[in-house]
C-alpha cells in the first residue's frame, strides 16, 4: 500500500480531487505500481495551527 501525504492549508473539494488524481497518476507512472494501490491522504491545517518564523500564520493575515 503506497501512501502519498500532503499537509497544507484548507483546500476545496475540487482541489483535493485533482491532487488525488495527479499525485496518483504521477506516482504510478514513475514507480510502475498500479494506480489502484495508492492511498492519498490530505491533511488540512488551520492557519492558527501553523507557525513560521515564530509567528502563527493566522496573525499574518
PDB file of N, CA and C in Angstrom:
ATOM      1  N   UNK A   1       0.840  -1.174   0.000  1.00  0.00           N
ATOM      2  CA  UNK A   1       0.000   0.000   0.000  1.00  0.00           C
ATOM      3  C   UNK A   1       0.887   1.240   0.000  1.00  0.00           C
ATOM      4  N   UNK A   2       1.228   1.787  -1.175  1.00  0.00           N
ATOM      5  CA  UNK A   2       1.963   3.043  -1.223  1.00  0.00           C
ATOM      6  C   UNK A   2       1.080   4.192  -0.728  1.00  0.00           C
ATOM      7  N   UNK A   3       1.681   5.104   0.031  1.00  0.00           N
ATOM      8  CA  UNK A   3       0.939   6.221   0.612  1.00  0.00           C
ATOM      9  C   UNK A   3       1.578   7.539   0.184  1.00  0.00           C
ATOM     10  N   UNK A   4       0.742   8.475  -0.231  1.00  0.00           N
ATOM     11  CA  UNK A   4       1.168   9.840  -0.538  1.00  0.00           C
ATOM     12  C   UNK A   4       0.429  10.744   0.440  1.00  0.00           C
ATOM     13  N   UNK A   5       1.168  11.615   1.132  1.00  0.00           N
ATOM     14  CA  UNK A   5       0.558  12.507   2.119  1.00  0.00           C
ATOM     15  C   UNK A   5       0.891  13.952   1.792  1.00  0.00           C
ATOM     16  N   UNK A   6      -0.124  14.800   1.840  1.00  0.00           N
ATOM     17  CA  UNK A   6       0.066  16.239   1.679  1.00  0.00           C
ATOM     18  C   UNK A   6      -0.499  16.908   2.912  1.00  0.00           C
ATOM     19  N   UNK A   7       0.281  17.787   3.514  1.00  0.00           N
ATOM     20  CA  UNK A   7      -0.190  18.588   4.634  1.00  0.00           C
ATOM     21  C   UNK A   7      -0.144  20.039   4.216  1.00  0.00           C
ATOM     22  N   UNK A   8      -1.257  20.726   4.373  1.00  0.00           N
ATOM     23  CA  UNK A   8      -1.299  22.125   3.966  1.00  0.00           C
ATOM     24  C   UNK A   8      -2.508  22.834   4.531  1.00  0.00           C
ATOM     25  N   UNK A   9      -2.787  24.000   3.954  1.00  0.00           N
ATOM     26  CA  UNK A   9      -3.934  24.784   4.413  1.00  0.00           C
ATOM     27  C   UNK A   9      -5.210  24.257   3.764  1.00  0.00           C
ATOM     28  N   UNK A  10      -6.327  24.901   4.062  1.00  0.00           N
ATOM     29  CA  UNK A  10      -7.633  24.475   3.561  1.00  0.00           C
ATOM     30  C   UNK A  10      -7.661  24.455   2.031  1.00  0.00           C
ATOM     31  N   UNK A  11      -8.320  23.430   1.482  1.00  0.00           N
ATOM     32  CA  UNK A  11      -8.494  23.287   0.044  1.00  0.00           C
ATOM     33  C   UNK A  11      -9.959  23.020  -0.257  1.00  0.00           C
ATOM     34  N   UNK A  12     -10.359  23.313  -1.474  1.00  0.00           N
ATOM     35  CA  UNK A  12     -11.719  22.974  -1.888  1.00  0.00           C
ATOM     36  C   UNK A  12     -11.767  21.488  -2.223  1.00  0.00           C
ATOM     37  N   UNK A  13     -12.968  20.945  -2.285  1.00  0.00           N
ATOM     38  CA  UNK A  13     -13.130  19.542  -2.655  1.00  0.00           C
ATOM     39  C   UNK A  13     -12.567  19.294  -4.056  1.00  0.00           C
ATOM     40  N   UNK A  14     -12.771  20.229  -4.957  1.00  0.00           N
ATOM     41  CA  UNK A  14     -12.274  20.101  -6.323  1.00  0.00           C
ATOM     42  C   UNK A  14     -10.740  20.055  -6.346  1.00  0.00           C
ATOM     43  N   UNK A  15     -10.097  20.885  -5.534  1.00  0.00           N
ATOM     44  CA  UNK A  15      -8.636  20.877  -5.453  1.00  0.00           C
ATOM     45  C   UNK A  15      -8.127  19.541  -4.921  1.00  0.00           C
ATOM     46  N   UNK A  16      -8.811  19.012  -3.919  1.00  0.00           N
ATOM     47  CA  UNK A  16      -8.418  17.723  -3.344  1.00  0.00           C
ATOM     48  C   UNK A  16      -8.585  16.595  -4.355  1.00  0.00           C
ATOM     49  N   UNK A  17      -9.682  16.638  -5.111  1.00  0.00           N
ATOM     50  CA  UNK A  17      -9.899  15.621  -6.132  1.00  0.00           C
ATOM     51  C   UNK A  17      -8.795  15.656  -7.182  1.00  0.00           C
ATOM     52  N   UNK A  18      -8.432  16.853  -7.619  1.00  0.00           N
ATOM     53  CA  UNK A  18      -7.383  17.000  -8.630  1.00  0.00           C
ATOM     54  C   UNK A  18      -6.026  16.546  -8.090  1.00  0.00           C
ATOM     55  N   UNK A  19      -5.721  16.892  -6.849  1.00  0.00           N
ATOM     56  CA  UNK A  19      -4.466  16.439  -6.246  1.00  0.00           C
ATOM     57  C   UNK A  19      -4.413  14.919  -6.171  1.00  0.00           C
ATOM     58  N   UNK A  20      -5.505  14.292  -5.752  1.00  0.00           N
ATOM     59  CA  UNK A  20      -5.528  12.834  -5.660  1.00  0.00           C
ATOM     60  C   UNK A  20      -5.277  12.199  -7.024  1.00  0.00           C
ATOM     61  N   UNK A  21      -5.912  12.731  -8.046  1.00  0.00           N
ATOM     62  CA  UNK A  21      -5.732  12.210  -9.404  1.00  0.00           C
ATOM     63  C   UNK A  21      -4.296  12.403  -9.877  1.00  0.00           C
ATOM     64  N   UNK A  22      -3.799  13.627  -9.778  1.00  0.00           N
ATOM     65  CA  UNK A  22      -2.469  13.953 -10.302  1.00  0.00           C
ATOM     66  C   UNK A  22      -1.357  13.239  -9.538  1.00  0.00           C
ATOM     67  N   UNK A  23      -1.446  13.231  -8.198  1.00  0.00           N
ATOM     68  CA  UNK A  23      -0.432  12.525  -7.402  1.00  0.00           C
ATOM     69  C   UNK A  23      -0.401  11.046  -7.768  1.00  0.00           C
ATOM     70  N   UNK A  24      -1.579  10.440  -7.846  1.00  0.00           N
ATOM     71  CA  UNK A  24      -1.660   9.012  -8.131  1.00  0.00           C
ATOM     72  C   UNK A  24      -1.126   8.688  -9.522  1.00  0.00           C
ATOM     73  N   UNK A  25      -1.549   9.448 -10.511  1.00  0.00           N
ATOM     74  CA  UNK A  25      -1.082   9.196 -11.879  1.00  0.00           C
ATOM     75  C   UNK A  25       0.428   9.350 -12.004  1.00  0.00           C
ATOM     76  N   UNK A  26       0.967  10.395 -11.409  1.00  0.00           N
ATOM     77  CA  UNK A  26       2.415  10.625 -11.490  1.00  0.00           C
ATOM     78  C   UNK A  26       3.185   9.542 -10.759  1.00  0.00           C
ATOM     79  N   UNK A  27       2.766   9.220  -9.539  1.00  0.00           N
ATOM     80  CA  UNK A  27       3.474   8.201  -8.766  1.00  0.00           C
ATOM     81  C   UNK A  27       3.409   6.841  -9.462  1.00  0.00           C
ATOM     82  N   UNK A  28       2.279   6.523 -10.052  1.00  0.00           N
ATOM     83  CA  UNK A  28       2.133   5.257 -10.759  1.00  0.00           C
ATOM     84  C   UNK A  28       3.055   5.208 -11.969  1.00  0.00           C
ATOM     85  N   UNK A  29       3.099   6.289 -12.730  1.00  0.00           N
ATOM     86  CA  UNK A  29       3.960   6.357 -13.912  1.00  0.00           C
ATOM     87  C   UNK A  29       5.429   6.229 -13.537  1.00  0.00           C
ATOM     88  N   UNK A  30       5.851   6.920 -12.498  1.00  0.00           N
ATOM     89  CA  UNK A  30       7.254   6.930 -12.091  1.00  0.00           C
ATOM     90  C   UNK A  30       7.678   5.594 -11.486  1.00  0.00           C
ATOM     91  N   UNK A  31       6.809   4.993 -10.661  1.00  0.00           N
ATOM     92  CA  UNK A  31       7.187   3.780  -9.942  1.00  0.00           C
ATOM     93  C   UNK A  31       6.830   2.490 -10.668  1.00  0.00           C
ATOM     94  N   UNK A  32       5.869   2.570 -11.590  1.00  0.00           N
ATOM     95  CA  UNK A  32       5.392   1.360 -12.254  1.00  0.00           C
ATOM     96  C   UNK A  32       4.403   0.569 -11.418  1.00  0.00           C
ATOM     97  N   UNK A  33       3.977   1.126 -10.298  1.00  0.00           N
ATOM     98  CA  UNK A  33       2.986   0.482  -9.426  1.00  0.00           C
ATOM     99  C   UNK A  33       1.598   0.899  -9.906  1.00  0.00           C
ATOM    100  N   UNK A  34       0.659  -0.031  -9.898  1.00  0.00           N
ATOM    101  CA  UNK A  34      -0.682   0.279 -10.399  1.00  0.00           C
ATOM    102  C   UNK A  34      -1.363   1.361  -9.554  1.00  0.00           C
ATOM    103  N   UNK A  35      -2.153   2.193 -10.227  1.00  0.00           N
ATOM    104  CA  UNK A  35      -2.835   3.306  -9.563  1.00  0.00           C
ATOM    105  C   UNK A  35      -3.767   2.842  -8.453  1.00  0.00           C
ATOM    106  N   UNK A  36      -4.359   1.678  -8.623  1.00  0.00           N
ATOM    107  CA  UNK A  36      -5.352   1.178  -7.670  1.00  0.00           C
ATOM    108  C   UNK A  36      -4.784   0.904  -6.279  1.00  0.00           C
ATOM    109  N   UNK A  37      -3.466   0.827  -6.163  1.00  0.00           N
ATOM    110  CA  UNK A  37      -2.865   0.507  -4.864  1.00  0.00           C
ATOM    111  C   UNK A  37      -2.487   1.745  -4.056  1.00  0.00           C
ATOM    112  N   UNK A  38      -2.533   2.929  -4.672  1.00  0.00           N
ATOM    113  CA  UNK A  38      -2.105   4.146  -3.985  1.00  0.00           C
ATOM    114  C   UNK A  38      -3.189   4.720  -3.089  1.00  0.00           C
ATOM    115  N   UNK A  39      -2.772   5.183  -1.923  1.00  0.00           N
ATOM    116  CA  UNK A  39      -3.636   5.923  -0.995  1.00  0.00           C
ATOM    117  C   UNK A  39      -3.104   7.345  -0.926  1.00  0.00           C
ATOM    118  N   UNK A  40      -3.995   8.320  -1.014  1.00  0.00           N
ATOM    119  CA  UNK A  40      -3.609   9.726  -0.897  1.00  0.00           C
ATOM    120  C   UNK A  40      -4.314  10.293   0.338  1.00  0.00           C
ATOM    121  N   UNK A  41      -3.520  10.802   1.257  1.00  0.00           N
ATOM    122  CA  UNK A  41      -4.045  11.421   2.471  1.00  0.00           C
ATOM    123  C   UNK A  41      -3.782  12.924   2.399  1.00  0.00           C
ATOM    124  N   UNK A  42      -4.821  13.712   2.581  1.00  0.00           N
ATOM    125  CA  UNK A  42      -4.699  15.163   2.574  1.00  0.00           C
ATOM    126  C   UNK A  42      -5.087  15.655   3.960  1.00  0.00           C
ATOM    127  N   UNK A  43      -4.134  16.258   4.637  1.00  0.00           N
ATOM    128  CA  UNK A  43      -4.379  16.777   5.985  1.00  0.00           C
ATOM    129  C   UNK A  43      -4.407  18.300   5.908  1.00  0.00           C
ATOM    130  N   UNK A  44      -5.544  18.864   6.283  1.00  0.00           N
ATOM    131  CA  UNK A  44      -5.694  20.312   6.259  1.00  0.00           C
ATOM    132  C   UNK A  44      -5.417  20.890   7.639  1.00  0.00           C
ATOM    133  N   UNK A  45      -4.695  21.975   7.652  1.00  0.00           N
ATOM    134  CA  UNK A  45      -4.342  22.650   8.902  1.00  0.00           C
ATOM    135  C   UNK A  45      -4.879  24.076   8.882  1.00  0.00           C
ATOM    136  N   UNK A  46      -5.477  24.475   9.969  1.00  0.00           N
ATOM    137  CA  UNK A  46      -5.916  25.866  10.115  1.00  0.00           C
ATOM    138  C   UNK A  46      -4.683  26.752  10.288  1.00  0.00           C
ATOM    139  N   UNK A  47      -4.761  27.979   9.813  1.00  0.00           N
ATOM    140  CA  UNK A  47      -3.628  28.903   9.928  1.00  0.00           C
ATOM    141  C   UNK A  47      -3.213  29.134  11.378  1.00  0.00           C
ATOM    142  N   UNK A  48      -4.147  29.004  12.321  1.00  0.00           N
ATOM    143  CA  UNK A  48      -3.790  29.198  13.730  1.00  0.00           C
ATOM    144  C   UNK A  48      -2.982  28.024  14.278  1.00  0.00           C
ATOM    145  N   UNK A  49      -2.866  26.946  13.503  1.00  0.00           N
ATOM    146  CA  UNK A  49      -2.093  25.782  13.920  1.00  0.00           C
ATOM    147  C   UNK A  49      -0.747  25.677  13.197  1.00  0.00           C
ATOM    148  N   UNK A  50      -0.376  26.712  12.447  1.00  0.00           N
ATOM    149  CA  UNK A  50       0.876  26.690  11.691  1.00  0.00           C
ATOM    150  C   UNK A  50       1.706  27.912  12.082  1.00  0.00           C
ATOM    151  N   UNK A  51       2.923  27.667  12.505  1.00  0.00           N
ATOM    152  CA  UNK A  51       3.832  28.761  12.834  1.00  0.00           C
ATOM    153  C   UNK A  51       5.007  28.789  11.862  1.00  0.00           C
ATOM    154  N   UNK A  52       5.360  29.974  11.417  1.00  0.00           N
ATOM    155  CA  UNK A  52       6.512  30.170  10.531  1.00  0.00           C
ATOM    156  C   UNK A  52       7.313  31.345  11.063  1.00  0.00           C
ATOM    157  N   UNK A  53       8.583  31.129  11.295  1.00  0.00           N
ATOM    158  CA  UNK A  53       9.437  32.206  11.797  1.00  0.00           C
ATOM    159  C   UNK A  53       8.995  32.723  13.143  1.00  0.00           C
ATOM    160  N   UNK A  54       8.407  31.844  13.959  1.00  0.00           N
ATOM    161  CA  UNK A  54       7.979  32.236  15.292  1.00  0.00           C
ATOM    162  C   UNK A  54       6.643  32.961  15.354  1.00  0.00           C
ATOM    163  N   UNK A  55       5.938  33.001  14.216  1.00  0.00           N
ATOM    164  CA  UNK A  55       4.650  33.691  14.173  1.00  0.00           C
ATOM    165  C   UNK A  55       3.598  32.772  13.569  1.00  0.00           C
ATOM    166  N   UNK A  56       2.398  32.759  14.159  1.00  0.00           N
ATOM    167  CA  UNK A  56       1.307  31.982  13.606  1.00  0.00           C
ATOM    168  C   UNK A  56       0.854  32.606  12.286  1.00  0.00           C
ATOM    169  N   UNK A  57       0.514  31.766  11.322  1.00  0.00           N
ATOM    170  CA  UNK A  57       0.033  32.282  10.054  1.00  0.00           C
ATOM    171  C   UNK A  57      -1.255  33.079  10.214  1.00  0.00           C
ATOM    172  N   UNK A  58      -2.069  32.722  11.188  1.00  0.00           N
ATOM    173  CA  UNK A  58      -3.311  33.465  11.432  1.00  0.00           C
ATOM    174  C   UNK A  58      -3.031  34.912  11.849  1.00  0.00           C
ATOM    175  N   UNK A  59      -1.873  35.154  12.437  1.00  0.00           N
ATOM    176  CA  UNK A  59      -1.509  36.525  12.833  1.00  0.00           C
ATOM    177  C   UNK A  59      -0.938  37.323  11.671  1.00  0.00           C
ATOM    178  N   UNK A  60      -0.586  36.677  10.611  1.00  0.00           N
ATOM    179  CA  UNK A  60      -0.017  37.345   9.431  1.00  0.00           C
ATOM    180  C   UNK A  60      -1.078  37.873   8.485  1.00  0.00           C
ATOM    181  N   UNK A  61      -2.293  37.334   8.582  1.00  0.00           N
ATOM    182  CA  UNK A  61      -3.351  37.728   7.634  1.00  0.00           C
ATOM    183  C   UNK A  61      -3.761  39.164   7.800  1.00  0.00           C
TER     184      UNK A  61
END
